[in-house]
C-alpha atoms as a PDB file:
ATOM      1  CA  UNK A   1       5.837  11.806  -9.422  1.00  0.00           C
ATOM      2  CA  UNK A   2       7.092  12.228  -5.869  1.00  0.00           C
ATOM      3  CA  UNK A   3       4.463  13.365  -3.332  1.00  0.00           C
ATOM      4  CA  UNK A   4       4.880  17.065  -2.622  1.00  0.00           C
ATOM      5  CA  UNK A   5       4.398  16.810   1.122  1.00  0.00           C
ATOM      6  CA  UNK A   6       7.482  15.877   3.164  1.00  0.00           C
ATOM      7  CA  UNK A   7       7.182  12.887   5.442  1.00  0.00           C
ATOM      8  CA  UNK A   8       7.266  14.862   8.712  1.00  0.00           C
ATOM      9  CA  UNK A   9       4.137  16.731   7.564  1.00  0.00           C
ATOM     10  CA  UNK A  10       2.307  13.534   6.621  1.00  0.00           C
ATOM     11  CA  UNK A  11       2.646  11.409   9.737  1.00  0.00           C
ATOM     12  CA  UNK A  12       0.189   8.541   9.773  1.00  0.00           C
ATOM     13  CA  UNK A  13      -2.216   8.928  12.674  1.00  0.00           C
ATOM     14  CA  UNK A  14      -5.541   7.272  11.865  1.00  0.00           C
ATOM     15  CA  UNK A  15      -7.770   5.336   9.461  1.00  0.00           C
ATOM     16  CA  UNK A  16     -11.508   5.919   9.071  1.00  0.00           C
ATOM     17  CA  UNK A  17     -13.890   3.077   8.215  1.00  0.00           C
ATOM     18  CA  UNK A  18     -15.728   4.387   5.142  1.00  0.00           C
ATOM     19  CA  UNK A  19     -17.617   1.282   4.007  1.00  0.00           C
ATOM     20  CA  UNK A  20     -18.316  -2.284   5.107  1.00  0.00           C
ATOM     21  CA  UNK A  21     -18.564  -4.743   2.199  1.00  0.00           C
ATOM     22  CA  UNK A  22     -20.015  -8.280   2.220  1.00  0.00           C
ATOM     23  CA  UNK A  23     -21.306  -8.134   5.766  1.00  0.00           C
ATOM     24  CA  UNK A  24     -20.209  -6.519   9.018  1.00  0.00           C
ATOM     25  CA  UNK A  25     -17.224  -8.642  10.068  1.00  0.00           C
ATOM     26  CA  UNK A  26     -14.889  -5.685  10.490  1.00  0.00           C
ATOM     27  CA  UNK A  27     -13.331  -4.980  13.882  1.00  0.00           C
ATOM     28  CA  UNK A  28     -11.216  -2.360  15.637  1.00  0.00           C
ATOM     29  CA  UNK A  29      -9.269  -3.910  18.510  1.00  0.00           C
ATOM     30  CA  UNK A  30     -11.699  -6.832  18.508  1.00  0.00           C
ATOM     31  CA  UNK A  31     -14.863  -4.731  18.678  1.00  0.00           C
ATOM     32  CA  UNK A  32     -17.333  -4.486  15.781  1.00  0.00           C
ATOM     33  CA  UNK A  33     -16.569  -1.395  13.711  1.00  0.00           C
ATOM     34  CA  UNK A  34     -19.107   1.094  12.403  1.00  0.00           C
ATOM     35  CA  UNK A  35     -19.002   3.270   9.307  1.00  0.00           C
ATOM     36  CA  UNK A  36     -17.095   6.516  10.021  1.00  0.00           C
ATOM     37  CA  UNK A  37     -15.494   5.030  13.133  1.00  0.00           C
ATOM     38  CA  UNK A  38     -11.828   5.955  13.449  1.00  0.00           C
ATOM     39  CA  UNK A  39      -8.955   3.615  14.278  1.00  0.00           C
ATOM     40  CA  UNK A  40      -5.904   5.414  15.642  1.00  0.00           C
ATOM     41  CA  UNK A  41      -2.199   4.751  15.991  1.00  0.00           C
ATOM     42  CA  UNK A  42      -1.583   1.562  17.962  1.00  0.00           C
ATOM     43  CA  UNK A  43      -4.965   0.045  17.138  1.00  0.00           C
ATOM     44  CA  UNK A  44      -5.679  -3.002  15.004  1.00  0.00           C
ATOM     45  CA  UNK A  45      -8.203  -3.266  12.169  1.00  0.00           C
ATOM     46  CA  UNK A  46      -9.288  -6.809  11.314  1.00  0.00           C
ATOM     47  CA  UNK A  47     -11.731  -8.362   8.863  1.00  0.00           C
ATOM     48  CA  UNK A  48     -13.435 -11.746   8.868  1.00  0.00           C
ATOM     49  CA  UNK A  49     -15.542 -12.713   5.855  1.00  0.00           C
ATOM     50  CA  UNK A  50     -16.171  -9.038   5.107  1.00  0.00           C
ATOM     51  CA  UNK A  51     -14.030  -6.345   3.503  1.00  0.00           C
ATOM     52  CA  UNK A  52     -13.525  -2.720   4.499  1.00  0.00           C
ATOM     53  CA  UNK A  53     -12.902   0.537   2.701  1.00  0.00           C
ATOM     54  CA  UNK A  54     -10.581   2.797   4.702  1.00  0.00           C
ATOM     55  CA  UNK A  55      -9.472   6.401   4.478  1.00  0.00           C
ATOM     56  CA  UNK A  56      -5.943   6.913   5.778  1.00  0.00           C
ATOM     57  CA  UNK A  57      -5.569  10.403   7.280  1.00  0.00           C
ATOM     58  CA  UNK A  58      -7.850  11.825   4.539  1.00  0.00           C
ATOM     59  CA  UNK A  59      -4.998  11.288   2.064  1.00  0.00           C
ATOM     60  CA  UNK A  60      -5.153   7.698   0.791  1.00  0.00           C
ATOM     61  CA  UNK A  61      -7.853   5.116   0.174  1.00  0.00           C
ATOM     62  CA  UNK A  62      -7.415   1.550   1.402  1.00  0.00           C
ATOM     63  CA  UNK A  63      -9.396  -1.581   0.564  1.00  0.00           C
ATOM     64  CA  UNK A  64      -8.767  -4.203   3.262  1.00  0.00           C
ATOM     65  CA  UNK A  65      -9.460  -7.722   2.017  1.00  0.00           C
ATOM     66  CA  UNK A  66     -11.167 -10.616   3.758  1.00  0.00           C
ATOM     67  CA  UNK A  67      -9.377 -12.267   6.704  1.00  0.00           C
ATOM     68  CA  UNK A  68      -6.868  -9.426   6.904  1.00  0.00           C
ATOM     69  CA  UNK A  69      -5.224  -7.604   9.805  1.00  0.00           C
ATOM     70  CA  UNK A  70      -3.401  -4.266   9.886  1.00  0.00           C
ATOM     71  CA  UNK A  71      -1.963  -2.398  12.863  1.00  0.00           C
ATOM     72  CA  UNK A  72      -1.714   1.376  12.636  1.00  0.00           C
ATOM     73  CA  UNK A  73       1.461   3.224  13.554  1.00  0.00           C
ATOM     74  CA  UNK A  74       2.790   6.769  13.689  1.00  0.00           C
ATOM     75  CA  UNK A  75       4.451   6.620  10.275  1.00  0.00           C
ATOM     76  CA  UNK A  76       3.041   3.509   8.602  1.00  0.00           C
ATOM     77  CA  UNK A  77       0.778   0.513   8.984  1.00  0.00           C
ATOM     78  CA  UNK A  78       1.846  -3.100   9.403  1.00  0.00           C
ATOM     79  CA  UNK A  79       0.052  -5.934   7.640  1.00  0.00           C
ATOM     80  CA  UNK A  80       0.191  -9.134   9.689  1.00  0.00           C
ATOM     81  CA  UNK A  81      -2.301 -11.157   7.644  1.00  0.00           C
ATOM     82  CA  UNK A  82      -4.201 -11.000   4.364  1.00  0.00           C
ATOM     83  CA  UNK A  83      -4.074  -8.181   1.823  1.00  0.00           C
ATOM     84  CA  UNK A  84      -4.762  -4.486   1.350  1.00  0.00           C
ATOM     85  CA  UNK A  85      -4.987  -2.260  -1.723  1.00  0.00           C
ATOM     86  CA  UNK A  86      -3.848   1.326  -1.151  1.00  0.00           C
ATOM     87  CA  UNK A  87      -4.276   4.263  -3.523  1.00  0.00           C
ATOM     88  CA  UNK A  88      -2.400   7.371  -2.461  1.00  0.00           C
ATOM     89  CA  UNK A  89       0.549   8.433  -0.280  1.00  0.00           C
ATOM     90  CA  UNK A  90       0.363   5.857   2.489  1.00  0.00           C
ATOM     91  CA  UNK A  91       3.416   3.947   3.700  1.00  0.00           C
ATOM     92  CA  UNK A  92       3.642   0.463   5.150  1.00  0.00           C
ATOM     93  CA  UNK A  93       6.384  -1.106   7.246  1.00  0.00           C
ATOM     94  CA  UNK A  94       7.933  -4.515   6.549  1.00  0.00           C
ATOM     95  CA  UNK A  95      10.038  -5.443   9.559  1.00  0.00           C
ATOM     96  CA  UNK A  96      12.624  -2.681   9.867  1.00  0.00           C
ATOM     97  CA  UNK A  97      12.088  -1.540   6.263  1.00  0.00           C
ATOM     98  CA  UNK A  98       9.723   1.095   4.898  1.00  0.00           C
ATOM     99  CA  UNK A  99       7.470   0.569   1.889  1.00  0.00           C
ATOM    100  CA  UNK A 100       7.014   3.970   0.315  1.00  0.00           C
ATOM    101  CA  UNK A 101       5.210   5.207  -2.770  1.00  0.00           C
ATOM    102  CA  UNK A 102       5.399   7.855  -5.464  1.00  0.00           C
ATOM    103  CA  UNK A 103       1.964   8.685  -6.838  1.00  0.00           C
ATOM    104  CA  UNK A 104       1.027   5.069  -6.465  1.00  0.00           C
ATOM    105  CA  UNK A 105      -1.736   2.486  -6.247  1.00  0.00           C
ATOM    106  CA  UNK A 106      -0.429  -0.766  -4.815  1.00  0.00           C
ATOM    107  CA  UNK A 107      -1.463  -4.078  -3.288  1.00  0.00           C
ATOM    108  CA  UNK A 108       0.374  -5.561  -0.321  1.00  0.00           C
ATOM    109  CA  UNK A 109      -0.254  -9.219   0.509  1.00  0.00           C
ATOM    110  CA  UNK A 110       1.146 -11.353   3.307  1.00  0.00           C
ATOM    111  CA  UNK A 111       1.244 -15.085   2.657  1.00  0.00           C
ATOM    112  CA  UNK A 112       0.890 -17.835   5.246  1.00  0.00           C
ATOM    113  CA  UNK A 113       4.677 -18.339   5.165  1.00  0.00           C
ATOM    114  CA  UNK A 114       5.180 -14.715   6.252  1.00  0.00           C
ATOM    115  CA  UNK A 115       6.496 -13.432   2.917  1.00  0.00           C
ATOM    116  CA  UNK A 116       5.181 -10.157   1.494  1.00  0.00           C
ATOM    117  CA  UNK A 117       4.155  -9.566  -2.121  1.00  0.00           C
ATOM    118  CA  UNK A 118       4.268  -5.890  -3.111  1.00  0.00           C
ATOM    119  CA  UNK A 119       2.423  -5.194  -6.378  1.00  0.00           C
ATOM    120  CA  UNK A 120       2.420  -1.756  -8.006  1.00  0.00           C
ATOM    121  CA  UNK A 121      -0.615  -1.157 -10.225  1.00  0.00           C
ATOM    122  CA  UNK A 122       0.357   2.388 -11.209  1.00  0.00           C
ATOM    123  CA  UNK A 123       3.128   4.764 -10.217  1.00  0.00           C
ATOM    124  CA  UNK A 124       6.262   3.573  -8.443  1.00  0.00           C
ATOM    125  CA  UNK A 125       7.054   2.192  -5.015  1.00  0.00           C
ATOM    126  CA  UNK A 126      10.125   1.261  -3.047  1.00  0.00           C
ATOM    127  CA  UNK A 127      11.231  -0.719  -0.015  1.00  0.00           C
ATOM    128  CA  UNK A 128      14.250   0.508   1.895  1.00  0.00           C
ATOM    129  CA  UNK A 129      15.722   1.267   5.338  1.00  0.00           C
ATOM    130  CA  UNK A 130      13.628   3.467   7.619  1.00  0.00           C
ATOM    131  CA  UNK A 131      16.538   5.918   7.795  1.00  0.00           C
ATOM    132  CA  UNK A 132      17.563   5.313   4.186  1.00  0.00           C
ATOM    133  CA  UNK A 133      17.929   7.325   1.017  1.00  0.00           C
ATOM    134  CA  UNK A 134      14.256   7.701   0.067  1.00  0.00           C
ATOM    135  CA  UNK A 135      13.148   8.634   3.592  1.00  0.00           C
ATOM    136  CA  UNK A 136      15.794  11.363   3.680  1.00  0.00           C
ATOM    137  CA  UNK A 137      14.676  12.561   0.240  1.00  0.00           C
ATOM    138  CA  UNK A 138      11.094  12.825   1.511  1.00  0.00           C
ATOM    139  CA  UNK A 139      12.159  15.039   4.385  1.00  0.00           C
ATOM    140  CA  UNK A 140      14.441  17.324   2.373  1.00  0.00           C
ATOM    141  CA  UNK A 141      12.900  17.610  -1.112  1.00  0.00           C
ATOM    142  CA  UNK A 142       9.555  18.198  -2.774  1.00  0.00           C
ATOM    143  CA  UNK A 143      10.028  16.047  -5.845  1.00  0.00           C
ATOM    144  CA  UNK A 144      13.313  17.498  -7.061  1.00  0.00           C
ATOM    145  CA  UNK A 145      15.531  15.711  -9.561  1.00  0.00           C
ATOM    146  CA  UNK A 146      17.667  14.483  -6.658  1.00  0.00           C
ATOM    147  CA  UNK A 147      15.006  11.981  -5.692  1.00  0.00           C
ATOM    148  CA  UNK A 148      14.554  10.686  -9.234  1.00  0.00           C
ATOM    149  CA  UNK A 149      18.020   9.185  -9.659  1.00  0.00           C
ATOM    150  CA  UNK A 150      17.517   6.407  -7.124  1.00  0.00           C
ATOM    151  CA  UNK A 151      19.438   5.196  -4.099  1.00  0.00           C
ATOM    152  CA  UNK A 152      23.166   5.205  -4.958  1.00  0.00           C
ATOM    153  CA  UNK A 153      23.872   2.770  -2.097  1.00  0.00           C
ATOM    154  CA  UNK A 154      21.756   0.020  -3.660  1.00  0.00           C
ATOM    155  CA  UNK A 155      19.931  -0.552  -0.364  1.00  0.00           C
ATOM    156  CA  UNK A 156      16.523   0.360  -1.808  1.00  0.00           C
ATOM    157  CA  UNK A 157      14.420  -1.878  -4.048  1.00  0.00           C
ATOM    158  CA  UNK A 158      12.314   0.033  -6.583  1.00  0.00           C
ATOM    159  CA  UNK A 159       9.111  -1.483  -7.943  1.00  0.00           C
ATOM    160  CA  UNK A 160       7.507  -0.018 -11.073  1.00  0.00           C
ATOM    161  CA  UNK A 161       3.950  -0.283 -12.368  1.00  0.00           C
ATOM    162  CA  UNK A 162       2.799  -3.778 -13.317  1.00  0.00           C
ATOM    163  CA  UNK A 163       5.572  -5.364 -11.245  1.00  0.00           C
ATOM    164  CA  UNK A 164       5.505  -7.593  -8.178  1.00  0.00           C
ATOM    165  CA  UNK A 165       8.361  -7.874  -5.688  1.00  0.00           C
ATOM    166  CA  UNK A 166       8.615 -10.386  -2.860  1.00  0.00           C
ATOM    167  CA  UNK A 167      10.156  -9.644   0.533  1.00  0.00           C
ATOM    168  CA  UNK A 168      10.781 -11.554   3.752  1.00  0.00           C
ATOM    169  CA  UNK A 169       9.018 -10.719   7.012  1.00  0.00           C
ATOM    170  CA  UNK A 170      12.001  -8.467   7.802  1.00  0.00           C
ATOM    171  CA  UNK A 171      11.702  -6.629   4.496  1.00  0.00           C
ATOM    172  CA  UNK A 172      14.649  -8.313   2.789  1.00  0.00           C
ATOM    173  CA  UNK A 173      14.411  -8.657  -0.994  1.00  0.00           C
ATOM    174  CA  UNK A 174      13.588 -12.099  -2.406  1.00  0.00           C
ATOM    175  CA  UNK A 175      12.521 -11.697  -6.044  1.00  0.00           C
ATOM    176  CA  UNK A 176      10.947  -9.343  -8.569  1.00  0.00           C
ATOM    177  CA  UNK A 177       9.136  -9.649 -11.907  1.00  0.00           C
ATOM    178  CA  UNK A 178       6.361  -8.374 -14.159  1.00  0.00           C
ATOM    179  CA  UNK A 179       2.748  -9.379 -13.606  1.00  0.00           C
ATOM    180  CA  UNK A 180       0.985 -11.108 -16.470  1.00  0.00           C
ATOM    181  CA  UNK A 181      -2.017  -9.381 -17.998  1.00  0.00           C
ATOM    182  CA  UNK A 182      -4.408 -11.859 -16.356  1.00  0.00           C
ATOM    183  CA  UNK A 183      -2.698 -11.533 -12.956  1.00  0.00           C
ATOM    184  CA  UNK A 184      -3.070  -7.752 -13.052  1.00  0.00           C
ATOM    185  CA  UNK A 185      -6.749  -7.941 -14.005  1.00  0.00           C
ATOM    186  CA  UNK A 186      -7.542 -10.596 -11.394  1.00  0.00           C
ATOM    187  CA  UNK A 187      -5.791  -8.695  -8.611  1.00  0.00           C
ATOM    188  CA  UNK A 188      -7.544  -5.426  -9.391  1.00  0.00           C
ATOM    189  CA  UNK A 189     -10.949  -7.115  -9.627  1.00  0.00           C
ATOM    190  CA  UNK A 190     -10.432  -9.035  -6.383  1.00  0.00           C
ATOM    191  CA  UNK A 191      -9.771  -5.902  -4.360  1.00  0.00           C
ATOM    192  CA  UNK A 192     -12.138  -3.399  -5.988  1.00  0.00           C
ATOM    193  CA  UNK A 193     -15.325  -5.363  -6.718  1.00  0.00           C
ATOM    194  CA  UNK A 194     -18.177  -3.893  -4.681  1.00  0.00           C
ATOM    195  CA  UNK A 195     -16.012  -0.974  -3.547  1.00  0.00           C
ATOM    196  CA  UNK A 196     -16.171   2.725  -4.337  1.00  0.00           C
ATOM    197  CA  UNK A 197     -14.577   4.068  -7.495  1.00  0.00           C
ATOM    198  CA  UNK A 198     -10.829   4.478  -7.116  1.00  0.00           C
ATOM    199  CA  UNK A 199      -9.661   8.063  -7.376  1.00  0.00           C
ATOM    200  CA  UNK A 200      -6.821   6.945  -9.640  1.00  0.00           C
ATOM    201  CA  UNK A 201      -8.853   4.711 -11.951  1.00  0.00           C
ATOM    202  CA  UNK A 202      -7.712   6.718 -14.999  1.00  0.00           C
ATOM    203  CA  UNK A 203      -4.049   6.287 -14.036  1.00  0.00           C
ATOM    204  CA  UNK A 204      -4.584   2.556 -13.515  1.00  0.00           C
ATOM    205  CA  UNK A 205      -6.230   2.245 -16.927  1.00  0.00           C
ATOM    206  CA  UNK A 206      -3.328   4.091 -18.559  1.00  0.00           C
ATOM    207  CA  UNK A 207      -0.746   1.951 -16.761  1.00  0.00           C
ATOM    208  CA  UNK A 208      -2.514  -1.246 -17.808  1.00  0.00           C
ATOM    209  CA  UNK A 209      -2.704  -0.126 -21.441  1.00  0.00           C
ATOM    210  CA  UNK A 210       0.971   0.811 -21.560  1.00  0.00           C
ATOM    211  CA  UNK A 211       2.125  -2.379 -19.834  1.00  0.00           C
ATOM    212  CA  UNK A 212       0.071  -4.811 -21.900  1.00  0.00           C
ATOM    213  CA  UNK A 213      -0.676  -3.039 -25.187  1.00  0.00           C
ATOM    214  CA  UNK A 214       1.193  -5.692 -27.160  1.00  0.00           C
ATOM    215  CA  UNK A 215      -0.129  -8.739 -25.322  1.00  0.00           C
END
């Protein structure tokens, strides 16, 4: 399902710190963060040995892992280190490419070599040019059939539930495949243990059952 709100009406402006998990090593621009403190566009949110639960513009939940760094922008966030789980309509930027979602819960991880792993737990995501097909669909449609057919130019990589796709630091496609049952379970547990209940837990359960019912 494509989010009903067009992108120009859902500009990314801020993230609110909703919970601190496993200590208080969570920082906004290098200063210790407090619960309900707001990080705005241009600011950096960083964790040490702790984790943080975020609320992006009151639209999407984010679980920022240990030793992770994100920088907030006007249309997306950038992950420079670590990992973040996002549930809801929140975009990320990979170099000059946009990581977008369609009713999605996903995990974005950046490895020490700079490569990104984009895992979709439920829903569908994509990575494509910032002025590409999907971004234009967001600004001109509200989930019409036009957006369901996919990018005819082939410049967009689509990632479905239970899949992982790897990209370079510039957002160029490297590889794609299906997660194993154990990989899916481990990833979900890693990012949600000790956190609040995910709003899309039912959708995640359904996706898991459909992906691995025969395994």
